[in-house]
Amino acid sequence: MSTGDAGSRYIPKKVLRVAALLEDRLTLQAIATLTLPYRASRMALDTYFSEWANVIGRHNRLTIGWIKAYETEPQPHIHAVLVASGPLDCSHARQSWREIAAPRYPEAAFVEPYRFGIGGLGYGMKSLDRSSEQVQFSDNLSAFLPGGGTRFFGRTSAERRHIRRIALQREARG
């Protein structure tokens, strides 16, 4: 996952620049690779991922945002970076994915605290510049940006409550 010579061959420079910009502005807390021991549809992966993100948010008592990307080889899997106002319990996140998606597959989830400056977000977003975009951003991602602007998120009363909740979580943590 490094941005050194080996990583640069696989991650387009434009994607590395976007990832560096996001890394500077978002409170990235964890990085994950989520797999299954069998082939699954994108809809199934989406369902598992949504449930997983909700479980992590409830367990940590934090609102979760994310950037995720799908890869199809060697089998469908997800790379995700989780955004929150405070640290996340990565051990619980690993176990939760197994319970939700692959109970008998011990290698189903790799989740660890996000380490800045080594290219993790760029690696996850490496397919961003492809025509069949495989990278997705949570609807609430802009609420985690400094100022929590309402340009993309925060137009409805529910979204504005969400932004206030994230701001309060941020204040409580630091």
Protein backbone atom coordinates (compact mmCIF):
# COMPACT_ATOMS: atom_id res chain seq x y z
CA MET A 1 0.00 0.00 0.00
CA SER A 2 2.92 2.29 -0.22
CA THR A 3 3.14 5.21 -2.58
CA GLY A 4 6.73 4.36 -3.36
CA ASP A 5 7.91 2.89 -6.68
CA ALA A 6 5.86 -0.32 -6.47
CA GLY A 7 2.67 1.46 -5.41
CA SER A 8 3.03 4.20 -8.01
CA ARG A 9 2.95 1.67 -10.84
CA TYR A 10 -0.52 0.53 -9.83
CA ILE A 11 -2.06 3.78 -8.56
CA PRO A 12 -2.50 6.61 -11.07
CA LYS A 13 -0.83 9.87 -10.02
CA LYS A 14 -4.15 11.75 -10.29
CA VAL A 15 -5.72 9.31 -7.82
CA LEU A 16 -2.76 9.73 -5.44
CA ARG A 17 -3.28 13.52 -5.51
CA VAL A 18 -7.01 13.21 -4.75
CA ALA A 19 -6.27 10.71 -1.98
CA ALA A 20 -3.64 13.02 -0.44
CA LEU A 21 -6.11 15.92 -0.47
CA LEU A 22 -8.78 13.81 1.26
CA GLU A 23 -6.25 12.40 3.71
CA ASP A 24 -5.33 15.96 4.74
CA ARG A 25 -8.94 16.98 5.34
CA LEU A 26 -10.81 13.95 6.66
CA THR A 27 -10.56 12.21 10.03
CA LEU A 28 -9.68 8.80 8.62
CA GLN A 29 -9.79 6.22 11.40
CA ALA A 30 -9.54 2.72 9.91
CA ILE A 31 -8.72 0.87 6.71
CA ALA A 32 -10.31 -2.44 5.76
CA THR A 33 -10.26 -5.18 3.17
CA LEU A 34 -13.46 -7.20 3.35
CA THR A 35 -13.73 -10.53 1.57
CA LEU A 36 -15.97 -13.55 1.31
CA PRO A 37 -15.05 -17.21 0.81
CA TYR A 38 -17.50 -17.38 -2.12
CA ARG A 39 -18.54 -15.26 -5.08
CA ALA A 40 -21.22 -12.72 -4.25
CA SER A 41 -23.14 -10.12 -6.18
CA ARG A 42 -22.44 -6.44 -5.77
CA MET A 43 -25.89 -6.10 -4.20
CA ALA A 44 -24.99 -8.68 -1.56
CA LEU A 45 -21.67 -6.92 -0.86
CA ASP A 46 -23.53 -3.59 -0.55
CA THR A 47 -26.01 -5.11 1.90
CA TYR A 48 -23.28 -6.67 4.03
CA PHE A 49 -21.24 -3.46 3.98
CA SER A 50 -24.17 -1.25 5.02
CA GLU A 51 -25.03 -3.53 7.91
CA TRP A 52 -21.36 -3.69 8.91
CA ALA A 53 -20.93 0.10 8.89
CA ASN A 54 -24.07 0.50 11.02
CA VAL A 55 -22.83 -2.09 13.54
CA ILE A 56 -19.47 -0.28 13.81
CA GLY A 57 -21.17 3.07 14.35
CA ARG A 58 -23.44 1.70 17.09
CA HIS A 59 -20.60 -0.14 18.84
CA ASN A 60 -18.31 2.90 18.83
CA ARG A 61 -21.16 5.38 19.43
CA LEU A 62 -19.93 7.44 16.50
CA THR A 63 -21.31 8.45 13.14
CA ILE A 64 -19.38 6.64 10.41
CA GLY A 65 -18.53 7.89 6.94
CA TRP A 66 -16.63 5.88 4.38
CA ILE A 67 -14.90 5.62 1.04
CA LYS A 68 -15.15 2.16 -0.48
CA ALA A 69 -14.05 0.50 -3.68
CA TYR A 70 -14.97 -2.81 -5.23
CA GLU A 71 -12.53 -5.17 -6.85
CA THR A 72 -13.54 -8.30 -8.71
CA GLU A 73 -10.31 -10.29 -8.79
CA PRO A 74 -9.46 -12.80 -7.52
CA GLN A 75 -13.03 -12.67 -6.18
CA PRO A 76 -15.32 -9.74 -5.36
CA HIS A 77 -14.12 -7.82 -2.31
CA ILE A 78 -14.20 -4.33 -0.82
CA HIS A 79 -11.45 -1.93 0.19
CA ALA A 80 -12.78 0.69 2.60
CA VAL A 81 -11.50 3.61 4.61
CA LEU A 82 -13.70 4.60 7.55
CA VAL A 83 -14.14 8.18 8.69
CA ALA A 84 -15.26 9.09 12.21
CA SER A 85 -14.71 11.75 14.85
CA GLY A 86 -12.71 9.37 17.02
CA PRO A 87 -10.84 6.06 17.01
CA LEU A 88 -12.66 2.88 16.06
CA ASP A 89 -12.46 -0.58 17.61
CA CYS A 90 -10.80 -2.46 14.73
CA SER A 91 -10.94 -5.83 16.46
CA HIS A 92 -14.72 -5.49 16.80
CA ALA A 93 -14.95 -4.39 13.16
CA ARG A 94 -13.07 -7.51 12.01
CA GLN A 95 -15.27 -9.78 14.09
CA SER A 96 -18.44 -8.01 12.96
CA TRP A 97 -17.67 -8.57 9.27
CA ARG A 98 -17.13 -12.26 9.96
CA GLU A 99 -20.41 -12.50 11.87
CA ILE A 100 -22.33 -10.66 9.14
CA ALA A 101 -20.79 -12.03 5.96
CA ALA A 102 -18.45 -14.99 6.52
CA PRO A 103 -18.79 -16.74 9.89
CA ARG A 104 -16.52 -19.67 9.00
CA TYR A 105 -13.84 -17.70 7.18
CA PRO A 106 -11.20 -16.36 9.62
CA GLU A 107 -9.44 -14.35 6.89
CA ALA A 108 -12.62 -12.51 5.83
CA ALA A 109 -11.64 -9.11 7.22
CA PHE A 110 -8.48 -7.11 7.58
CA VAL A 111 -9.20 -3.97 9.61
CA GLU A 112 -6.59 -1.78 11.27
CA PRO A 113 -6.21 1.84 12.37
CA TYR A 114 -5.54 4.16 9.45
CA ARG A 115 -1.90 5.17 9.09
CA PHE A 116 -1.41 8.48 7.34
CA GLY A 117 1.17 9.06 4.62
CA ILE A 118 1.66 5.49 3.35
CA GLY A 119 -0.91 5.50 0.54
CA GLY A 120 -3.74 3.42 2.01
CA LEU A 121 -6.51 5.67 0.71
CA GLY A 122 -4.86 5.88 -2.72
CA TYR A 123 -4.61 2.12 -2.88
CA GLY A 124 -8.30 1.77 -2.06
CA MET A 125 -9.26 4.41 -4.62
CA LYS A 126 -6.96 3.18 -7.40
CA SER A 127 -9.91 2.47 -9.72
CA LEU A 128 -11.28 6.03 -9.36
CA ASP A 129 -10.21 7.11 -12.84
CA ARG A 130 -11.68 4.09 -14.64
CA SER A 131 -14.76 4.44 -16.80
CA SER A 132 -16.70 1.88 -14.77
CA GLU A 133 -16.31 3.67 -11.47
CA GLN A 134 -15.92 1.25 -8.62
CA VAL A 135 -15.28 3.86 -5.90
CA GLN A 136 -18.15 5.14 -3.75
CA PHE A 137 -18.33 7.82 -1.06
CA SER A 138 -20.82 7.83 1.82
CA ASP A 139 -23.53 10.45 1.52
CA ASN A 140 -22.42 12.09 4.77
CA LEU A 141 -18.71 12.41 3.88
CA SER A 142 -18.79 16.19 3.44
CA ALA A 143 -20.09 16.52 7.02
CA PHE A 144 -16.66 15.34 8.23
CA LEU A 145 -14.81 18.10 6.38
CA PRO A 146 -13.67 21.10 8.41
CA GLY A 147 -16.63 23.44 8.62
CA GLY A 148 -19.01 20.59 7.73
CA GLY A 149 -20.46 22.55 4.85
CA THR A 150 -23.87 21.73 3.47
CA ARG A 151 -23.00 21.88 -0.21
CA PHE A 152 -23.56 18.14 -0.83
CA PHE A 153 -24.99 16.95 2.46
CA GLY A 154 -27.13 18.90 4.90
CA ARG A 155 -29.96 20.08 2.72
CA THR A 156 -32.71 18.32 4.67
CA SER A 157 -33.50 18.60 8.37
CA ALA A 158 -32.33 15.00 8.94
CA GLU A 159 -29.00 15.73 7.24
CA ARG A 160 -28.56 18.94 9.25
CA ARG A 161 -29.13 16.93 12.46
CA HIS A 162 -26.50 14.50 11.22
CA ILE A 163 -24.01 17.34 10.71
CA ARG A 164 -24.71 18.69 14.21
CA ARG A 165 -24.21 15.19 15.68
CA ILE A 166 -20.84 14.81 13.91
CA ALA A 167 -19.78 18.28 15.13
CA LEU A 168 -20.74 17.38 18.71
CA GLN A 169 -18.81 14.10 18.48
CA ARG A 170 -15.79 15.99 17.18
CA GLU A 171 -15.99 18.51 20.06
CA ALA A 172 -16.37 15.75 22.66
CA ARG A 173 -13.24 13.99 21.37
CA GLY A 174 -10.98 16.85 21.28
